[in-house]
Protein backbone atom coordinates (compact mmCIF):
# COMPACT_ATOMS: atom_id res chain seq x y z
CA MET A 1 126.88 35.16 141.60
CA LYS A 2 129.06 38.14 141.55
CA PHE A 3 129.72 39.94 138.25
CA PHE A 4 133.19 41.59 137.41
CA ALA A 5 134.20 43.66 134.34
CA LYS A 6 137.68 43.27 133.10
CA LEU A 7 139.10 46.82 132.42
CA GLY A 8 141.65 47.46 129.78
CA LEU A 9 143.30 50.69 128.54
CA ASN A 10 141.66 53.83 129.57
CA SER A 11 139.43 51.78 131.89
CA LYS A 12 137.31 50.33 128.94
CA VAL A 13 135.33 47.24 129.59
CA ILE A 14 136.99 44.41 127.54
CA SER A 15 135.20 41.32 128.94
CA ARG A 16 132.83 40.12 131.70
CA ILE A 17 132.90 37.31 134.08
CA HIS A 18 130.85 35.95 136.89
CA ILE A 19 132.24 33.91 139.86
CA HIS A 20 130.62 32.19 142.93
CA ASP A 21 129.65 34.25 145.76
CA SER A 22 132.03 32.17 147.88
CA ASP A 23 134.94 33.25 145.94
CA ALA A 24 133.95 36.97 146.16
CA PRO A 25 132.51 37.74 149.67
CA THR A 26 133.77 41.36 149.03
CA GLU A 27 134.77 43.08 145.78
CA GLU A 28 138.45 43.09 147.11
CA ALA A 29 138.29 39.37 147.46
CA GLY A 30 136.77 38.80 144.00
CA ILE A 31 139.53 40.92 142.44
CA GLU A 32 142.13 39.04 144.32
CA PHE A 33 140.67 35.63 143.26
CA LEU A 34 140.32 36.71 139.54
CA ASN A 35 143.93 38.19 139.77
CA LYS A 36 145.16 34.66 141.04
CA GLN A 37 143.01 32.95 138.22
CA THR A 38 143.84 35.05 135.37
CA ASN A 39 147.11 36.97 136.44
CA TYR A 40 145.26 40.13 135.47
CA PRO A 41 144.70 42.87 138.05
CA PHE A 42 142.17 45.30 136.62
CA TRP A 43 138.57 44.32 137.70
CA LYS A 44 135.45 46.09 138.96
CA GLU A 45 132.35 44.53 140.28
CA TYR A 46 129.00 45.49 138.95
CA LYS A 47 125.41 44.26 139.50
CA LYS A 48 122.89 43.56 136.60
CA ASP A 49 120.29 45.72 138.76
CA LYS A 50 122.57 48.75 138.65
CA SER A 51 122.60 49.07 142.43
CA ILE A 52 126.35 49.73 142.39
CA ARG A 53 128.24 51.63 139.76
CA LYS A 54 125.06 53.23 138.33
CA ASN A 55 124.89 50.86 135.26
CA SER A 56 125.52 47.24 134.35
CA ALA A 57 128.79 46.84 132.65
CA THR A 58 128.87 45.92 129.02
CA ILE A 59 131.80 45.51 126.63
CA GLY A 60 132.81 48.86 125.21
CA MET A 61 131.69 50.84 128.26
CA LYS A 62 134.15 52.92 130.25
CA TYR A 63 134.60 52.76 133.92
CA ASP A 64 134.80 56.42 135.43
CA GLU A 65 136.58 56.28 138.77
CA ASP A 66 135.54 59.82 139.68
CA ARG A 67 131.84 59.00 139.33
CA ASP A 68 132.43 55.50 140.23
CA ALA A 69 130.25 54.24 137.38
CA PHE A 70 130.28 52.41 134.07
CA ILE A 71 129.38 54.77 131.28
CA ILE A 72 128.59 54.21 127.49
CA LYS A 73 130.36 56.32 124.82
CA GLN A 74 128.63 59.50 124.15
CA PRO A 75 126.18 58.80 121.44
CA TYR A 76 126.08 62.27 119.92
CA PRO A 77 128.07 65.52 120.71
CA SER A 78 124.90 67.33 121.86
CA TRP A 79 123.83 64.72 124.34
CA ILE A 80 124.24 65.46 128.01
CA LEU A 81 125.44 63.08 130.84
CA ASP A 82 122.88 62.79 133.62
CA GLU A 83 125.16 62.90 136.49
CA SER A 84 122.75 61.07 138.77
CA THR A 85 122.39 57.94 136.35
CA CYS A 86 125.48 58.36 134.31
CA VAL A 87 123.39 57.83 131.10
CA TYR A 88 123.48 60.22 128.32
CA ALA A 89 120.29 62.02 127.38
CA SER A 90 119.09 64.09 124.38
CA PRO A 91 118.99 67.89 125.10
CA VAL A 92 115.32 67.74 123.62
CA ALA A 93 112.90 65.29 125.11
CA HIS A 94 111.96 62.21 123.05
CA PRO A 95 108.41 62.76 121.75
CA ASP A 96 105.92 60.53 123.61
CA ASP A 97 103.14 60.31 121.05
CA GLY A 98 103.68 56.55 120.02
CA LYS A 99 105.36 57.40 116.75
CA ASP A 100 109.05 56.38 115.59
CA TYR A 101 111.78 58.90 115.74
CA LYS A 102 115.44 59.12 115.13
CA TRP A 103 117.77 61.69 116.50
CA ASN A 104 119.22 64.34 114.01
CA GLU A 105 122.39 65.90 115.31
CA GLU A 106 122.24 68.59 112.67
CA THR A 107 119.24 70.10 114.01
CA THR A 108 119.61 68.68 117.66
CA ASN A 109 115.98 67.45 117.41
CA TRP A 110 113.93 64.30 116.90
CA ASP A 111 112.92 63.64 113.28
CA GLU A 112 109.77 61.37 112.67
CA ILE A 113 110.53 58.21 110.79
CA VAL A 114 108.08 58.03 107.97
CA SER A 115 107.72 54.68 106.07
């Protein structure tokens, strides 16, 4: 199976579809097939294993043409996009002590969740 993301305004993923390999031996062939089937021209192939376009497309992500990647919306203003993975990361590493934490944007640090 081949997986394609339908792109709307500002290259935002608005839906996803999968088609048979025989209908999409190449990405271009898949886009042509989908265009004929749906009369909609804006599609990008993705793979669930992230081997192309750095991330598996999900609805609401944005396709960044310059990076050739699907990227989620920046979760917090302080978080930084890792250019190699196109995934946002906190400016402070998440503690690795087995406790639960939530991000505090005001302090730009992790706060322990106390029950």
